[in-house]
Amino acid sequence: MKHHKAIRKFGRDHAGRIALLRSLALGLITSEHIETTEARAKELRPFIESLVTKGRVGDIASRRMIIARLGGVSGEAGAKKIIDEIAPRYTDRPGGYTRIMKLPRRGGDASKMAVIEFV
């Protein structure tokens, strides 16, 4: 039974879901907006907003936590951009750093599409 299990599995195991979220988050951090499916955008939103909230603190512990969540060498570049560029924009904002805008369905498989971007 799937009672109180709100996580989307995307047909992947745990490691595959983490890799998907990391790559989506890094894409969003580098380009500041990405086009993806609506379900992936909704799953990415809490992941990225927690990273930006940690980035607002800006100390060494939060930098290491962001690098660990993003993983690898590209995670270091992503953490640097979050702490130096993205988080200072939202110092007086209590949350809600991203926006999801729905797009028309994809032509090939009629998946619901969306754009997720920083506000």
PDB file of N, CA and C in Angstrom:
ATOM      1  N   MET A   1       0.830  -1.192   0.000  1.00  0.00           N
ATOM      2  CA  MET A   1       0.000   0.000   0.000  1.00  0.00           C
ATOM      3  C   MET A   1       0.870   1.250   0.000  1.00  0.00           C
ATOM      4  N   LYS A   2       0.333   2.305  -0.561  1.00  0.00           N
ATOM      5  CA  LYS A   2       1.100   3.530  -0.724  1.00  0.00           C
ATOM      6  C   LYS A   2       0.555   4.636   0.180  1.00  0.00           C
ATOM      7  N   HIS A   3       0.165   4.284   1.378  1.00  0.00           N
ATOM      8  CA  HIS A   3      -0.388   5.277   2.288  1.00  0.00           C
ATOM      9  C   HIS A   3       0.723   6.164   2.849  1.00  0.00           C
ATOM     10  N   HIS A   4       0.564   7.461   2.726  1.00  0.00           N
ATOM     11  CA  HIS A   4       1.487   8.464   3.260  1.00  0.00           C
ATOM     12  C   HIS A   4       2.880   8.399   2.656  1.00  0.00           C
ATOM     13  N   LYS A   5       3.006   7.870   1.462  1.00  0.00           N
ATOM     14  CA  LYS A   5       4.287   7.852   0.759  1.00  0.00           C
ATOM     15  C   LYS A   5       4.170   8.809  -0.421  1.00  0.00           C
ATOM     16  N   ALA A   6       4.606  10.044  -0.221  1.00  0.00           N
ATOM     17  CA  ALA A   6       4.370  11.089  -1.203  1.00  0.00           C
ATOM     18  C   ALA A   6       5.481  11.208  -2.239  1.00  0.00           C
ATOM     19  N   ILE A   7       6.568  10.465  -2.100  1.00  0.00           N
ATOM     20  CA  ILE A   7       7.692  10.602  -3.025  1.00  0.00           C
ATOM     21  C   ILE A   7       7.347   9.984  -4.381  1.00  0.00           C
ATOM     22  N   ARG A   8       7.785  10.656  -5.437  1.00  0.00           N
ATOM     23  CA  ARG A   8       7.610  10.118  -6.781  1.00  0.00           C
ATOM     24  C   ARG A   8       8.824   9.255  -7.104  1.00  0.00           C
ATOM     25  N   LYS A   9       8.587   8.071  -7.664  1.00  0.00           N
ATOM     26  CA  LYS A   9       9.698   7.155  -7.902  1.00  0.00           C
ATOM     27  C   LYS A   9      10.300   7.292  -9.292  1.00  0.00           C
ATOM     28  N   PHE A  10       9.568   7.777 -10.256  1.00  0.00           N
ATOM     29  CA  PHE A  10      10.043   7.985 -11.632  1.00  0.00           C
ATOM     30  C   PHE A  10      10.587   6.713 -12.266  1.00  0.00           C
ATOM     31  N   GLY A  11      10.155   5.547 -11.800  1.00  0.00           N
ATOM     32  CA  GLY A  11      10.621   4.294 -12.382  1.00  0.00           C
ATOM     33  C   GLY A  11      12.091   4.019 -12.132  1.00  0.00           C
ATOM     34  N   ARG A  12      12.644   4.587 -11.059  1.00  0.00           N
ATOM     35  CA  ARG A  12      14.062   4.440 -10.763  1.00  0.00           C
ATOM     36  C   ARG A  12      14.240   3.935  -9.335  1.00  0.00           C
ATOM     37  N   ASP A  13      15.407   3.376  -9.071  1.00  0.00           N
ATOM     38  CA  ASP A  13      15.725   3.017  -7.695  1.00  0.00           C
ATOM     39  C   ASP A  13      16.209   4.268  -6.965  1.00  0.00           C
ATOM     40  N   HIS A  14      16.600   4.119  -5.713  1.00  0.00           N
ATOM     41  CA  HIS A  14      16.980   5.265  -4.882  1.00  0.00           C
ATOM     42  C   HIS A  14      18.144   6.051  -5.478  1.00  0.00           C
ATOM     43  N   ALA A  15      19.185   5.357  -5.886  1.00  0.00           N
ATOM     44  CA  ALA A  15      20.360   6.036  -6.437  1.00  0.00           C
ATOM     45  C   ALA A  15      20.016   6.759  -7.736  1.00  0.00           C
ATOM     46  N   GLY A  16      19.149   6.176  -8.542  1.00  0.00           N
ATOM     47  CA  GLY A  16      18.735   6.819  -9.787  1.00  0.00           C
ATOM     48  C   GLY A  16      17.935   8.078  -9.555  1.00  0.00           C
ATOM     49  N   ARG A  17      17.076   8.055  -8.530  1.00  0.00           N
ATOM     50  CA  ARG A  17      16.297   9.259  -8.191  1.00  0.00           C
ATOM     51  C   ARG A  17      17.203  10.378  -7.688  1.00  0.00           C
ATOM     52  N   ILE A  18      18.186  10.030  -6.859  1.00  0.00           N
ATOM     53  CA  ILE A  18      19.118  11.034  -6.348  1.00  0.00           C
ATOM     54  C   ILE A  18      19.924  11.628  -7.500  1.00  0.00           C
ATOM     55  N   ALA A  19      20.385  10.798  -8.426  1.00  0.00           N
ATOM     56  CA  ALA A  19      21.147  11.285  -9.577  1.00  0.00           C
ATOM     57  C   ALA A  19      20.287  12.201 -10.447  1.00  0.00           C
ATOM     58  N   LEU A  20      19.023  11.850 -10.625  1.00  0.00           N
ATOM     59  CA  LEU A  20      18.109  12.685 -11.410  1.00  0.00           C
ATOM     60  C   LEU A  20      17.915  14.051 -10.756  1.00  0.00           C
ATOM     61  N   LEU A  21      17.663  14.064  -9.444  1.00  0.00           N
ATOM     62  CA  LEU A  21      17.473  15.328  -8.743  1.00  0.00           C
ATOM     63  C   LEU A  21      18.740  16.186  -8.763  1.00  0.00           C
ATOM     64  N   ARG A  22      19.895  15.548  -8.613  1.00  0.00           N
ATOM     65  CA  ARG A  22      21.154  16.299  -8.648  1.00  0.00           C
ATOM     66  C   ARG A  22      21.368  16.947 -10.010  1.00  0.00           C
ATOM     67  N   SER A  23      21.126  16.200 -11.070  1.00  0.00           N
ATOM     68  CA  SER A  23      21.353  16.760 -12.402  1.00  0.00           C
ATOM     69  C   SER A  23      20.342  17.856 -12.716  1.00  0.00           C
ATOM     70  N   LEU A  24      19.086  17.676 -12.302  1.00  0.00           N
ATOM     71  CA  LEU A  24      18.098  18.732 -12.506  1.00  0.00           C
ATOM     72  C   LEU A  24      18.463  19.977 -11.699  1.00  0.00           C
ATOM     73  N   ALA A  25      18.904  19.788 -10.463  1.00  0.00           N
ATOM     74  CA  ALA A  25      19.268  20.917  -9.614  1.00  0.00           C
ATOM     75  C   ALA A  25      20.468  21.664 -10.182  1.00  0.00           C
ATOM     76  N   LEU A  26      21.473  20.935 -10.653  1.00  0.00           N
ATOM     77  CA  LEU A  26      22.637  21.593 -11.239  1.00  0.00           C
ATOM     78  C   LEU A  26      22.270  22.346 -12.512  1.00  0.00           C
ATOM     79  N   GLY A  27      21.369  21.781 -13.305  1.00  0.00           N
ATOM     80  CA  GLY A  27      20.905  22.488 -14.494  1.00  0.00           C
ATOM     81  C   GLY A  27      20.165  23.761 -14.143  1.00  0.00           C
ATOM     82  N   LEU A  28      19.338  23.698 -13.106  1.00  0.00           N
ATOM     83  CA  LEU A  28      18.595  24.878 -12.673  1.00  0.00           C
ATOM     84  C   LEU A  28      19.540  25.935 -12.100  1.00  0.00           C
ATOM     85  N   ILE A  29      20.545  25.513 -11.360  1.00  0.00           N
ATOM     86  CA  ILE A  29      21.483  26.459 -10.766  1.00  0.00           C
ATOM     87  C   ILE A  29      22.308  27.152 -11.851  1.00  0.00           C
ATOM     88  N   THR A  30      22.774  26.402 -12.831  1.00  0.00           N
ATOM     89  CA  THR A  30      23.645  26.996 -13.844  1.00  0.00           C
ATOM     90  C   THR A  30      22.880  27.891 -14.816  1.00  0.00           C
ATOM     91  N   SER A  31      21.705  27.465 -15.269  1.00  0.00           N
ATOM     92  CA  SER A  31      20.989  28.264 -16.267  1.00  0.00           C
ATOM     93  C   SER A  31      19.842  29.078 -15.679  1.00  0.00           C
ATOM     94  N   GLU A  32      19.484  28.842 -14.431  1.00  0.00           N
ATOM     95  CA  GLU A  32      18.448  29.548 -13.677  1.00  0.00           C
ATOM     96  C   GLU A  32      17.033  29.326 -14.188  1.00  0.00           C
ATOM     97  N   HIS A  33      16.849  28.520 -15.206  1.00  0.00           N
ATOM     98  CA  HIS A  33      15.517  28.028 -15.578  1.00  0.00           C
ATOM     99  C   HIS A  33      15.698  26.807 -16.477  1.00  0.00           C
ATOM    100  N   ILE A  34      14.842  25.803 -16.290  1.00  0.00           N
ATOM    101  CA  ILE A  34      14.893  24.599 -17.106  1.00  0.00           C
ATOM    102  C   ILE A  34      13.477  24.192 -17.483  1.00  0.00           C
ATOM    103  N   GLU A  35      13.371  23.499 -18.591  1.00  0.00           N
ATOM    104  CA  GLU A  35      12.098  22.947 -19.044  1.00  0.00           C
ATOM    105  C   GLU A  35      12.151  21.444 -18.822  1.00  0.00           C
ATOM    106  N   THR A  36      11.184  20.928 -18.067  1.00  0.00           N
ATOM    107  CA  THR A  36      11.154  19.510 -17.733  1.00  0.00           C
ATOM    108  C   THR A  36       9.696  19.097 -17.563  1.00  0.00           C
ATOM    109  N   THR A  37       9.463  17.854 -17.167  1.00  0.00           N
ATOM    110  CA  THR A  37       8.085  17.442 -16.944  1.00  0.00           C
ATOM    111  C   THR A  37       7.571  18.064 -15.648  1.00  0.00           C
ATOM    112  N   GLU A  38       6.277  18.159 -15.554  1.00  0.00           N
ATOM    113  CA  GLU A  38       5.664  18.791 -14.387  1.00  0.00           C
ATOM    114  C   GLU A  38       5.970  18.024 -13.105  1.00  0.00           C
ATOM    115  N   ALA A  39       5.950  16.700 -13.154  1.00  0.00           N
ATOM    116  CA  ALA A  39       6.225  15.893 -11.964  1.00  0.00           C
ATOM    117  C   ALA A  39       7.662  16.088 -11.491  1.00  0.00           C
ATOM    118  N   ARG A  40       8.603  16.152 -12.432  1.00  0.00           N
ATOM    119  CA  ARG A  40       9.995  16.369 -12.052  1.00  0.00           C
ATOM    120  C   ARG A  40      10.191  17.756 -11.464  1.00  0.00           C
ATOM    121  N   ALA A  41       9.513  18.747 -12.011  1.00  0.00           N
ATOM    122  CA  ALA A  41       9.624  20.106 -11.484  1.00  0.00           C
ATOM    123  C   ALA A  41       9.062  20.187 -10.074  1.00  0.00           C
ATOM    124  N   LYS A  42       7.946  19.513  -9.830  1.00  0.00           N
ATOM    125  CA  LYS A  42       7.343  19.528  -8.498  1.00  0.00           C
ATOM    126  C   LYS A  42       8.207  18.794  -7.483  1.00  0.00           C
ATOM    127  N   GLU A  43       8.929  17.802  -7.923  1.00  0.00           N
ATOM    128  CA  GLU A  43       9.819  17.070  -7.025  1.00  0.00           C
ATOM    129  C   GLU A  43      11.114  17.849  -6.787  1.00  0.00           C
ATOM    130  N   LEU A  44      11.530  18.634  -7.765  1.00  0.00           N
ATOM    131  CA  LEU A  44      12.763  19.410  -7.660  1.00  0.00           C
ATOM    132  C   LEU A  44      12.598  20.621  -6.750  1.00  0.00           C
ATOM    133  N   ARG A  45      11.409  21.188  -6.689  1.00  0.00           N
ATOM    134  CA  ARG A  45      11.191  22.439  -5.944  1.00  0.00           C
ATOM    135  C   ARG A  45      11.632  22.366  -4.480  1.00  0.00           C
ATOM    136  N   PRO A  46      11.179  21.403  -3.658  1.00  0.00           N
ATOM    137  CA  PRO A  46      11.643  21.392  -2.259  1.00  0.00           C
ATOM    138  C   PRO A  46      13.138  21.104  -2.134  1.00  0.00           C
ATOM    139  N   PHE A  47      13.685  20.320  -3.053  1.00  0.00           N
ATOM    140  CA  PHE A  47      15.117  20.005  -3.032  1.00  0.00           C
ATOM    141  C   PHE A  47      15.941  21.265  -3.220  1.00  0.00           C
ATOM    142  N   ILE A  48      15.609  22.076  -4.206  1.00  0.00           N
ATOM    143  CA  ILE A  48      16.401  23.265  -4.512  1.00  0.00           C
ATOM    144  C   ILE A  48      16.146  24.375  -3.505  1.00  0.00           C
ATOM    145  N   GLU A  49      14.925  24.475  -2.992  1.00  0.00           N
ATOM    146  CA  GLU A  49      14.630  25.548  -2.043  1.00  0.00           C
ATOM    147  C   GLU A  49      15.327  25.328  -0.708  1.00  0.00           C
ATOM    148  N   SER A  50      15.518  24.080  -0.312  1.00  0.00           N
ATOM    149  CA  SER A  50      16.271  23.839   0.912  1.00  0.00           C
ATOM    150  C   SER A  50      17.740  24.208   0.729  1.00  0.00           C
ATOM    151  N   LEU A  51      18.267  23.994  -0.482  1.00  0.00           N
ATOM    152  CA  LEU A  51      19.658  24.370  -0.745  1.00  0.00           C
ATOM    153  C   LEU A  51      19.834  25.891  -0.712  1.00  0.00           C
ATOM    154  N   VAL A  52      18.868  26.620  -1.266  1.00  0.00           N
ATOM    155  CA  VAL A  52      18.970  28.081  -1.259  1.00  0.00           C
ATOM    156  C   VAL A  52      18.842  28.614   0.167  1.00  0.00           C
ATOM    157  N   THR A  53      17.961  28.008   0.966  1.00  0.00           N
ATOM    158  CA  THR A  53      17.822  28.428   2.358  1.00  0.00           C
ATOM    159  C   THR A  53      19.119  28.206   3.121  1.00  0.00           C
ATOM    160  N   LYS A  54      19.769  27.071   2.894  1.00  0.00           N
ATOM    161  CA  LYS A  54      21.067  26.830   3.520  1.00  0.00           C
ATOM    162  C   LYS A  54      22.120  27.788   2.990  1.00  0.00           C
ATOM    163  N   GLY A  55      22.043  28.127   1.716  1.00  0.00           N
ATOM    164  CA  GLY A  55      22.997  29.039   1.117  1.00  0.00           C
ATOM    165  C   GLY A  55      22.904  30.452   1.660  1.00  0.00           C
ATOM    166  N   ARG A  56      21.741  30.821   2.168  1.00  0.00           N
ATOM    167  CA  ARG A  56      21.581  32.145   2.762  1.00  0.00           C
ATOM    168  C   ARG A  56      22.442  32.306   4.009  1.00  0.00           C
ATOM    169  N   VAL A  57      22.685  31.207   4.725  1.00  0.00           N
ATOM    170  CA  VAL A  57      23.541  31.258   5.914  1.00  0.00           C
ATOM    171  C   VAL A  57      24.979  31.559   5.493  1.00  0.00           C
ATOM    172  N   GLY A  58      25.482  30.807   4.514  1.00  0.00           N
ATOM    173  CA  GLY A  58      26.772  31.102   3.919  1.00  0.00           C
ATOM    174  C   GLY A  58      28.000  30.676   4.697  1.00  0.00           C
ATOM    175  N   ASP A  59      27.849  29.933   5.792  1.00  0.00           N
ATOM    176  CA  ASP A  59      29.037  29.501   6.525  1.00  0.00           C
ATOM    177  C   ASP A  59      29.607  28.227   5.902  1.00  0.00           C
ATOM    178  N   ILE A  60      30.705  27.753   6.453  1.00  0.00           N
ATOM    179  CA  ILE A  60      31.409  26.606   5.879  1.00  0.00           C
ATOM    180  C   ILE A  60      30.588  25.318   5.998  1.00  0.00           C
ATOM    181  N   ALA A  61      29.826  25.179   7.064  1.00  0.00           N
ATOM    182  CA  ALA A  61      29.010  23.971   7.246  1.00  0.00           C
ATOM    183  C   ALA A  61      27.908  23.905   6.197  1.00  0.00           C
ATOM    184  N   SER A  62      27.264  25.032   5.922  1.00  0.00           N
ATOM    185  CA  SER A  62      26.206  25.025   4.908  1.00  0.00           C
ATOM    186  C   SER A  62      26.794  24.813   3.515  1.00  0.00           C
ATOM    187  N   ARG A  63      27.983  25.368   3.265  1.00  0.00           N
ATOM    188  CA  ARG A  63      28.639  25.147   1.966  1.00  0.00           C
ATOM    189  C   ARG A  63      28.940  23.660   1.769  1.00  0.00           C
ATOM    190  N   ARG A  64      29.441  23.000   2.820  1.00  0.00           N
ATOM    191  CA  ARG A  64      29.744  21.570   2.718  1.00  0.00           C
ATOM    192  C   ARG A  64      28.488  20.734   2.555  1.00  0.00           C
ATOM    193  N   MET A  65      27.391  21.141   3.216  1.00  0.00           N
ATOM    194  CA  MET A  65      26.131  20.412   3.077  1.00  0.00           C
ATOM    195  C   MET A  65      25.599  20.525   1.652  1.00  0.00           C
ATOM    196  N   ILE A  66      25.701  21.711   1.055  1.00  0.00           N
ATOM    197  CA  ILE A  66      25.228  21.902  -0.320  1.00  0.00           C
ATOM    198  C   ILE A  66      26.073  21.080  -1.287  1.00  0.00           C
ATOM    199  N   ILE A  67      27.389  21.061  -1.083  1.00  0.00           N
ATOM    200  CA  ILE A  67      28.270  20.258  -1.940  1.00  0.00           C
ATOM    201  C   ILE A  67      27.922  18.776  -1.815  1.00  0.00           C
ATOM    202  N   ALA A  68      27.636  18.322  -0.593  1.00  0.00           N
ATOM    203  CA  ALA A  68      27.277  16.921  -0.392  1.00  0.00           C
ATOM    204  C   ALA A  68      25.965  16.580  -1.074  1.00  0.00           C
ATOM    205  N   ARG A  69      24.991  17.481  -1.020  1.00  0.00           N
ATOM    206  CA  ARG A  69      23.698  17.230  -1.673  1.00  0.00           C
ATOM    207  C   ARG A  69      23.819  17.227  -3.192  1.00  0.00           C
ATOM    208  N   LEU A  70      24.657  18.120  -3.744  1.00  0.00           N
ATOM    209  CA  LEU A  70      24.810  18.200  -5.193  1.00  0.00           C
ATOM    210  C   LEU A  70      25.820  17.186  -5.716  1.00  0.00           C
ATOM    211  N   GLY A  71      26.821  16.839  -4.897  1.00  0.00           N
ATOM    212  CA  GLY A  71      27.756  15.783  -5.226  1.00  0.00           C
ATOM    213  C   GLY A  71      28.837  16.163  -6.216  1.00  0.00           C
ATOM    214  N   GLY A  72      30.028  15.718  -5.947  1.00  0.00           N
ATOM    215  CA  GLY A  72      31.122  15.804  -6.883  1.00  0.00           C
ATOM    216  C   GLY A  72      31.693  17.190  -7.105  1.00  0.00           C
ATOM    217  N   VAL A  73      32.523  17.296  -8.134  1.00  0.00           N
ATOM    218  CA  VAL A  73      33.197  18.542  -8.473  1.00  0.00           C
ATOM    219  C   VAL A  73      32.189  19.580  -8.961  1.00  0.00           C
ATOM    220  N   SER A  74      31.203  19.145  -9.721  1.00  0.00           N
ATOM    221  CA  SER A  74      30.188  20.082 -10.203  1.00  0.00           C
ATOM    222  C   SER A  74      29.349  20.608  -9.044  1.00  0.00           C
ATOM    223  N   GLY A  75      29.268  19.841  -7.960  1.00  0.00           N
ATOM    224  CA  GLY A  75      28.573  20.305  -6.771  1.00  0.00           C
ATOM    225  C   GLY A  75      29.268  21.478  -6.113  1.00  0.00           C
ATOM    226  N   GLU A  76      30.595  21.494  -6.201  1.00  0.00           N
ATOM    227  CA  GLU A  76      31.352  22.618  -5.650  1.00  0.00           C
ATOM    228  C   GLU A  76      31.066  23.895  -6.430  1.00  0.00           C
ATOM    229  N   ALA A  77      30.996  23.790  -7.745  1.00  0.00           N
ATOM    230  CA  ALA A  77      30.685  24.963  -8.564  1.00  0.00           C
ATOM    231  C   ALA A  77      29.246  25.415  -8.321  1.00  0.00           C
ATOM    232  N   GLY A  78      28.347  24.449  -8.168  1.00  0.00           N
ATOM    233  CA  GLY A  78      26.957  24.788  -7.881  1.00  0.00           C
ATOM    234  C   GLY A  78      26.791  25.449  -6.527  1.00  0.00           C
ATOM    235  N   ALA A  79      27.516  24.952  -5.524  1.00  0.00           N
ATOM    236  CA  ALA A  79      27.450  25.554  -4.189  1.00  0.00           C
ATOM    237  C   ALA A  79      27.994  26.968  -4.203  1.00  0.00           C
ATOM    238  N   LYS A  80      29.066  27.176  -4.948  1.00  0.00           N
ATOM    239  CA  LYS A  80      29.642  28.519  -5.057  1.00  0.00           C
ATOM    240  C   LYS A  80      28.633  29.486  -5.671  1.00  0.00           C
ATOM    241  N   LYS A  81      27.940  29.044  -6.724  1.00  0.00           N
ATOM    242  CA  LYS A  81      26.965  29.929  -7.368  1.00  0.00           C
ATOM    243  C   LYS A  81      25.771  30.184  -6.455  1.00  0.00           C
ATOM    244  N   ILE A  82      25.316  29.165  -5.727  1.00  0.00           N
ATOM    245  CA  ILE A  82      24.185  29.367  -4.807  1.00  0.00           C
ATOM    246  C   ILE A  82      24.554  30.385  -3.740  1.00  0.00           C
ATOM    247  N   ILE A  83      25.696  30.209  -3.096  1.00  0.00           N
ATOM    248  CA  ILE A  83      26.069  31.067  -1.966  1.00  0.00           C
ATOM    249  C   ILE A  83      26.443  32.475  -2.425  1.00  0.00           C
ATOM    250  N   ASP A  84      27.149  32.591  -3.555  1.00  0.00           N
ATOM    251  CA  ASP A  84      27.649  33.897  -3.983  1.00  0.00           C
ATOM    252  C   ASP A  84      26.649  34.705  -4.806  1.00  0.00           C
ATOM    253  N   GLU A  85      25.813  34.031  -5.623  1.00  0.00           N
ATOM    254  CA  GLU A  85      24.951  34.764  -6.541  1.00  0.00           C
ATOM    255  C   GLU A  85      23.456  34.628  -6.245  1.00  0.00           C
ATOM    256  N   ILE A  86      22.995  33.407  -6.020  1.00  0.00           N
ATOM    257  CA  ILE A  86      21.550  33.178  -5.932  1.00  0.00           C
ATOM    258  C   ILE A  86      20.999  33.543  -4.558  1.00  0.00           C
ATOM    259  N   ALA A  87      21.610  33.040  -3.488  1.00  0.00           N
ATOM    260  CA  ALA A  87      21.075  33.262  -2.141  1.00  0.00           C
ATOM    261  C   ALA A  87      21.036  34.728  -1.716  1.00  0.00           C
ATOM    262  N   PRO A  88      22.013  35.577  -2.078  1.00  0.00           N
ATOM    263  CA  PRO A  88      21.911  36.987  -1.671  1.00  0.00           C
ATOM    264  C   PRO A  88      20.695  37.721  -2.222  1.00  0.00           C
ATOM    265  N   ARG A  89      20.116  37.225  -3.313  1.00  0.00           N
ATOM    266  CA  ARG A  89      18.903  37.844  -3.859  1.00  0.00           C
ATOM    267  C   ARG A  89      17.708  37.697  -2.925  1.00  0.00           C
ATOM    268  N   TYR A  90      17.729  36.642  -2.107  1.00  0.00           N
ATOM    269  CA  TYR A  90      16.555  36.292  -1.304  1.00  0.00           C
ATOM    270  C   TYR A  90      16.791  36.478   0.191  1.00  0.00           C
ATOM    271  N   THR A  91      17.599  37.422   0.587  1.00  0.00           N
ATOM    272  CA  THR A  91      17.902  37.598   2.006  1.00  0.00           C
ATOM    273  C   THR A  91      16.676  38.000   2.817  1.00  0.00           C
ATOM    274  N   ASP A  92      15.771  38.765   2.243  1.00  0.00           N
ATOM    275  CA  ASP A  92      14.585  39.197   2.986  1.00  0.00           C
ATOM    276  C   ASP A  92      13.338  38.414   2.607  1.00  0.00           C
ATOM    277  N   ARG A  93      13.482  37.340   1.836  1.00  0.00           N
ATOM    278  CA  ARG A  93      12.339  36.532   1.412  1.00  0.00           C
ATOM    279  C   ARG A  93      12.277  35.269   2.262  1.00  0.00           C
ATOM    280  N   PRO A  94      11.143  34.958   2.886  1.00  0.00           N
ATOM    281  CA  PRO A  94      11.089  33.806   3.793  1.00  0.00           C
ATOM    282  C   PRO A  94      11.015  32.446   3.104  1.00  0.00           C
ATOM    283  N   GLY A  95      10.843  32.404   1.820  1.00  0.00           N
ATOM    284  CA  GLY A  95      10.772  31.140   1.102  1.00  0.00           C
ATOM    285  C   GLY A  95      10.140  31.360  -0.254  1.00  0.00           C
ATOM    286  N   GLY A  96       9.907  30.288  -0.998  1.00  0.00           N
ATOM    287  CA  GLY A  96       9.293  30.415  -2.306  1.00  0.00           C
ATOM    288  C   GLY A  96      10.219  31.051  -3.315  1.00  0.00           C
ATOM    289  N   TYR A  97      11.394  30.440  -3.499  1.00  0.00           N
ATOM    290  CA  TYR A  97      12.392  31.014  -4.383  1.00  0.00           C
ATOM    291  C   TYR A  97      12.214  30.586  -5.828  1.00  0.00           C
ATOM    292  N   THR A  98      11.374  29.581  -6.076  1.00  0.00           N
ATOM    293  CA  THR A  98      11.187  29.066  -7.433  1.00  0.00           C
ATOM    294  C   THR A  98       9.747  29.229  -7.874  1.00  0.00           C
ATOM    295  N   ARG A  99       9.581  29.211  -9.188  1.00  0.00           N
ATOM    296  CA  ARG A  99       8.251  29.317  -9.805  1.00  0.00           C
ATOM    297  C   ARG A  99       8.130  28.197 -10.824  1.00  0.00           C
ATOM    298  N   ILE A 100       6.972  27.538 -10.831  1.00  0.00           N
ATOM    299  CA  ILE A 100       6.699  26.503 -11.825  1.00  0.00           C
ATOM    300  C   ILE A 100       5.580  27.017 -12.717  1.00  0.00           C
ATOM    301  N   MET A 101       5.872  27.139 -14.004  1.00  0.00           N
ATOM    302  CA  MET A 101       4.866  27.560 -14.979  1.00  0.00           C
ATOM    303  C   MET A 101       4.577  26.395 -15.914  1.00  0.00           C
ATOM    304  N   LYS A 102       3.313  26.074 -16.079  1.00  0.00           N
ATOM    305  CA  LYS A 102       2.933  24.937 -16.902  1.00  0.00           C
ATOM    306  C   LYS A 102       2.996  25.309 -18.384  1.00  0.00           C
ATOM    307  N   LEU A 103       3.375  24.328 -19.185  1.00  0.00           N
ATOM    308  CA  LEU A 103       3.480  24.471 -20.628  1.00  0.00           C
ATOM    309  C   LEU A 103       2.509  23.497 -21.297  1.00  0.00           C
ATOM    310  N   PRO A 104       2.305  23.620 -22.613  1.00  0.00           N
ATOM    311  CA  PRO A 104       1.493  22.614 -23.312  1.00  0.00           C
ATOM    312  C   PRO A 104       2.146  21.237 -23.244  1.00  0.00           C
ATOM    313  N   ARG A 105       1.342  20.233 -23.455  1.00  0.00           N
ATOM    314  CA  ARG A 105       1.849  18.861 -23.383  1.00  0.00           C
ATOM    315  C   ARG A 105       2.883  18.593 -24.477  1.00  0.00           C
ATOM    316  N   ARG A 106       3.818  17.688 -24.174  1.00  0.00           N
ATOM    317  CA  ARG A 106       4.867  17.328 -25.119  1.00  0.00           C
ATOM    318  C   ARG A 106       4.258  16.545 -26.273  1.00  0.00           C
ATOM    319  N   GLY A 107       4.765  16.785 -27.475  1.00  0.00           N
ATOM    320  CA  GLY A 107       4.186  16.172 -28.662  1.00  0.00           C
ATOM    321  C   GLY A 107       4.380  14.671 -28.749  1.00  0.00           C
ATOM    322  N   GLY A 108       5.524  14.155 -28.348  1.00  0.00           N
ATOM    323  CA  GLY A 108       5.829  12.749 -28.533  1.00  0.00           C
ATOM    324  C   GLY A 108       4.990  11.815 -27.687  1.00  0.00           C
ATOM    325  N   ASP A 109       4.894  12.107 -26.380  1.00  0.00           N
ATOM    326  CA  ASP A 109       4.188  11.202 -25.481  1.00  0.00           C
ATOM    327  C   ASP A 109       3.103  11.898 -24.666  1.00  0.00           C
ATOM    328  N   ALA A 110       2.813  13.158 -24.963  1.00  0.00           N
ATOM    329  CA  ALA A 110       1.755  13.930 -24.305  1.00  0.00           C
ATOM    330  C   ALA A 110       1.989  14.077 -22.803  1.00  0.00           C
ATOM    331  N   SER A 111       3.265  14.162 -22.395  1.00  0.00           N
ATOM    332  CA  SER A 111       3.566  14.399 -20.987  1.00  0.00           C
ATOM    333  C   SER A 111       3.303  15.850 -20.643  1.00  0.00           C
ATOM    334  N   LYS A 112       2.860  16.081 -19.412  1.00  0.00           N
ATOM    335  CA  LYS A 112       2.671  17.444 -18.943  1.00  0.00           C
ATOM    336  C   LYS A 112       4.042  18.077 -18.756  1.00  0.00           C
ATOM    337  N   MET A 113       4.250  19.245 -19.346  1.00  0.00           N
ATOM    338  CA  MET A 113       5.535  19.910 -19.291  1.00  0.00           C
ATOM    339  C   MET A 113       5.432  21.180 -18.438  1.00  0.00           C
ATOM    340  N   ALA A 114       6.574  21.619 -17.932  1.00  0.00           N
ATOM    341  CA  ALA A 114       6.610  22.822 -17.099  1.00  0.00           C
ATOM    342  C   ALA A 114       7.993  23.444 -17.175  1.00  0.00           C
ATOM    343  N   VAL A 115       8.043  24.723 -16.844  1.00  0.00           N
ATOM    344  CA  VAL A 115       9.305  25.435 -16.695  1.00  0.00           C
ATOM    345  C   VAL A 115       9.455  25.765 -15.226  1.00  0.00           C
ATOM    346  N   ILE A 116      10.606  25.433 -14.655  1.00  0.00           N
ATOM    347  CA  ILE A 116      10.894  25.827 -13.270  1.00  0.00           C
ATOM    348  C   ILE A 116      12.033  26.833 -13.329  1.00  0.00           C
ATOM    349  N   GLU A 117      11.876  27.936 -12.600  1.00  0.00           N
ATOM    350  CA  GLU A 117      12.848  29.012 -12.635  1.00  0.00           C
ATOM    351  C   GLU A 117      12.890  29.703 -11.295  1.00  0.00           C
ATOM    352  N   PHE A 118      13.976  30.436 -11.073  1.00  0.00           N
ATOM    353  CA  PHE A 118      14.067  31.252  -9.859  1.00  0.00           C
ATOM    354  C   PHE A 118      13.233  32.504 -10.040  1.00  0.00           C
ATOM    355  N   VAL A 119      12.588  32.923  -8.957  1.00  0.00           N
ATOM    356  CA  VAL A 119      11.731  34.107  -9.005  1.00  0.00           C
ATOM    357  C   VAL A 119      12.584  35.348  -9.118  1.00  0.00           C
TER     358      VAL A 119
END
